Protein backbone atom coordinates (compact mmCIF):
# COMPACT_ATOMS: atom_id res chain seq x y z
CA UNK A 1 22.37 -23.38 -19.32
CA UNK A 2 20.00 -21.27 -17.14
CA UNK A 3 18.24 -22.87 -14.23
CA UNK A 4 14.44 -23.48 -14.61
CA UNK A 5 12.45 -22.79 -11.55
CA UNK A 6 8.87 -24.32 -11.15
CA UNK A 7 6.80 -21.43 -9.92
CA UNK A 8 2.97 -22.04 -9.03
CA UNK A 9 0.40 -19.60 -7.94
CA UNK A 10 0.42 -21.27 -4.39
CA UNK A 11 4.17 -20.72 -4.17
CA UNK A 12 3.97 -17.15 -5.33
CA UNK A 13 1.16 -16.55 -2.79
CA UNK A 14 3.23 -18.03 -0.13
CA UNK A 15 6.18 -15.76 -1.03
CA UNK A 16 4.00 -12.64 -1.05
CA UNK A 17 2.42 -13.55 2.45
CA UNK A 18 6.11 -13.99 3.85
CA UNK A 19 6.96 -10.35 2.68
CA UNK A 20 7.09 -7.62 5.18
CA UNK A 21 3.96 -5.44 4.98
CA UNK A 22 0.52 -4.74 6.37
CA UNK A 23 -2.76 -5.75 4.91
CA UNK A 24 -5.61 -3.29 4.75
CA UNK A 25 -8.08 -5.77 6.32
CA UNK A 26 -5.70 -6.56 9.24
CA UNK A 27 -5.07 -2.94 10.13
CA UNK A 28 -8.92 -2.21 9.77
CA UNK A 29 -11.09 0.71 8.99
CA UNK A 30 -10.05 3.84 10.89
CA UNK A 31 -6.47 2.86 11.07
CA UNK A 32 -3.69 5.16 9.74
CA UNK A 33 -0.65 3.76 8.10
CA UNK A 34 2.76 5.66 7.77
CA UNK A 35 4.47 4.64 4.59
CA UNK A 36 8.09 5.77 3.72
CA UNK A 37 9.62 5.49 0.20
CA UNK A 38 12.96 6.56 -0.96
CA UNK A 39 11.83 10.21 -1.60
CA UNK A 40 8.81 10.94 0.68
CA UNK A 41 6.47 9.73 3.28
CA UNK A 42 2.77 9.21 2.94
CA UNK A 43 -0.06 9.07 5.57
CA UNK A 44 -2.96 6.65 4.64
CA UNK A 45 -6.13 6.75 6.49
CA UNK A 46 -8.07 3.52 5.85
CA UNK A 47 -11.92 4.26 5.23
CA UNK A 48 -13.11 0.76 3.80
CA UNK A 49 -10.37 -1.81 3.80
CA UNK A 50 -12.50 -4.23 1.51
CA UNK A 51 -12.63 -1.72 -1.14
CA UNK A 52 -9.34 -0.07 -0.59
CA UNK A 53 -11.01 3.18 0.03
CA UNK A 54 -8.36 5.50 1.84
CA UNK A 55 -7.54 9.17 2.54
CA UNK A 56 -3.87 9.75 1.49
CA UNK A 57 -1.59 12.83 1.97
CA UNK A 58 2.24 13.35 1.40
CA UNK A 59 4.53 12.60 -1.34
CA UNK A 60 2.75 12.90 -4.68
CA UNK A 61 -0.47 14.03 -3.04
CA UNK A 62 -1.17 17.42 -1.63
CA UNK A 63 -1.17 18.12 2.22
CA UNK A 64 -4.81 17.94 2.41
CA UNK A 65 -5.96 14.29 2.26
CA UNK A 66 -7.03 12.86 -1.17
CA UNK A 67 -9.91 10.46 -1.26
CA UNK A 68 -8.90 7.49 -3.51
CA UNK A 69 -8.47 3.68 -3.98
CA UNK A 70 -5.34 1.99 -2.83
CA UNK A 71 -5.33 -0.95 -5.39
CA UNK A 72 -2.39 -2.57 -3.62
CA UNK A 73 1.40 -3.20 -4.14
CA UNK A 74 2.90 -3.76 -7.60
CA UNK A 75 6.01 -4.82 -9.21
CA UNK A 76 4.82 -3.82 -12.54
CA UNK A 77 2.82 -6.55 -14.15
CA UNK A 78 1.89 -8.19 -10.69
CA UNK A 79 -0.58 -6.48 -8.35
CA UNK A 80 -0.99 -7.73 -4.83
CA UNK A 81 -4.50 -6.20 -3.81
CA UNK A 82 -5.21 -4.90 -0.35
CA UNK A 83 -1.61 -4.92 0.94
CA UNK A 84 1.13 -2.46 1.48
CA UNK A 85 4.44 -4.39 0.87
CA UNK A 86 7.94 -3.28 1.57
CA UNK A 87 10.00 -3.39 -1.67
CA UNK A 88 6.93 -2.85 -3.80
CA UNK A 89 5.45 0.21 -5.48
CA UNK A 90 1.88 1.35 -4.16
CA UNK A 91 -0.73 1.87 -6.93
CA UNK A 92 -3.77 4.18 -6.27
CA UNK A 93 -6.61 5.16 -8.41
CA UNK A 94 -7.92 8.76 -7.84
CA UNK A 95 -11.62 9.44 -7.98
CA UNK A 96 -10.74 11.28 -11.31
CA UNK A 97 -9.85 7.95 -12.84
CA UNK A 98 -6.09 8.92 -12.79
CA UNK A 99 -3.55 6.21 -11.72
CA UNK A 100 -0.68 7.18 -9.41
CA UNK A 101 2.25 4.92 -8.55
CA UNK A 102 4.65 5.69 -5.71
CA UNK A 103 8.37 5.01 -5.43
CA UNK A 104 9.37 1.76 -3.73
CA UNK A 105 8.04 1.29 -0.23
CA UNK A 106 10.90 1.25 2.37
CA UNK A 107 8.79 1.01 5.50
CA UNK A 108 5.16 0.74 6.66
CA UNK A 109 3.79 1.03 10.24
CA UNK A 110 0.42 1.51 11.79
CA UNK A 111 0.35 4.91 13.69
CA UNK A 112 -0.89 4.55 17.38
CA UNK A 113 -4.55 5.64 17.64
CA UNK A 114 -3.65 8.94 19.49
CA UNK A 115 -1.36 9.98 16.57
CA UNK A 116 -3.91 9.78 13.80
CA UNK A 117 -6.84 11.06 16.03
CA UNK A 118 -5.06 14.38 16.35
CA UNK A 119 -4.53 14.74 12.42
């Protein structure tokens, strides 16, 4: 017989908070994230962390930064807003209304200020 586990929203929230990743609000406006997936690397410059407004380049995006909304990290039916989480996919909405989902995130870091000011 299969085990039944009790899962509450509080327990799920705690589990997500324990995941390795970066919250847009913690990184702050003006910060630049370097996100690596299995197949590519994305550079995400945060414009408005509260709204998820970013400029992103690399991977499925062009070399020129694309203005879009970073919805958050997803595992399909669950979306964790405002966070880039290792082991999850990233979900973006382009200003054209198109949705874009990345491959699974393998690492995320905040670039030192001098690195992203030069780009």
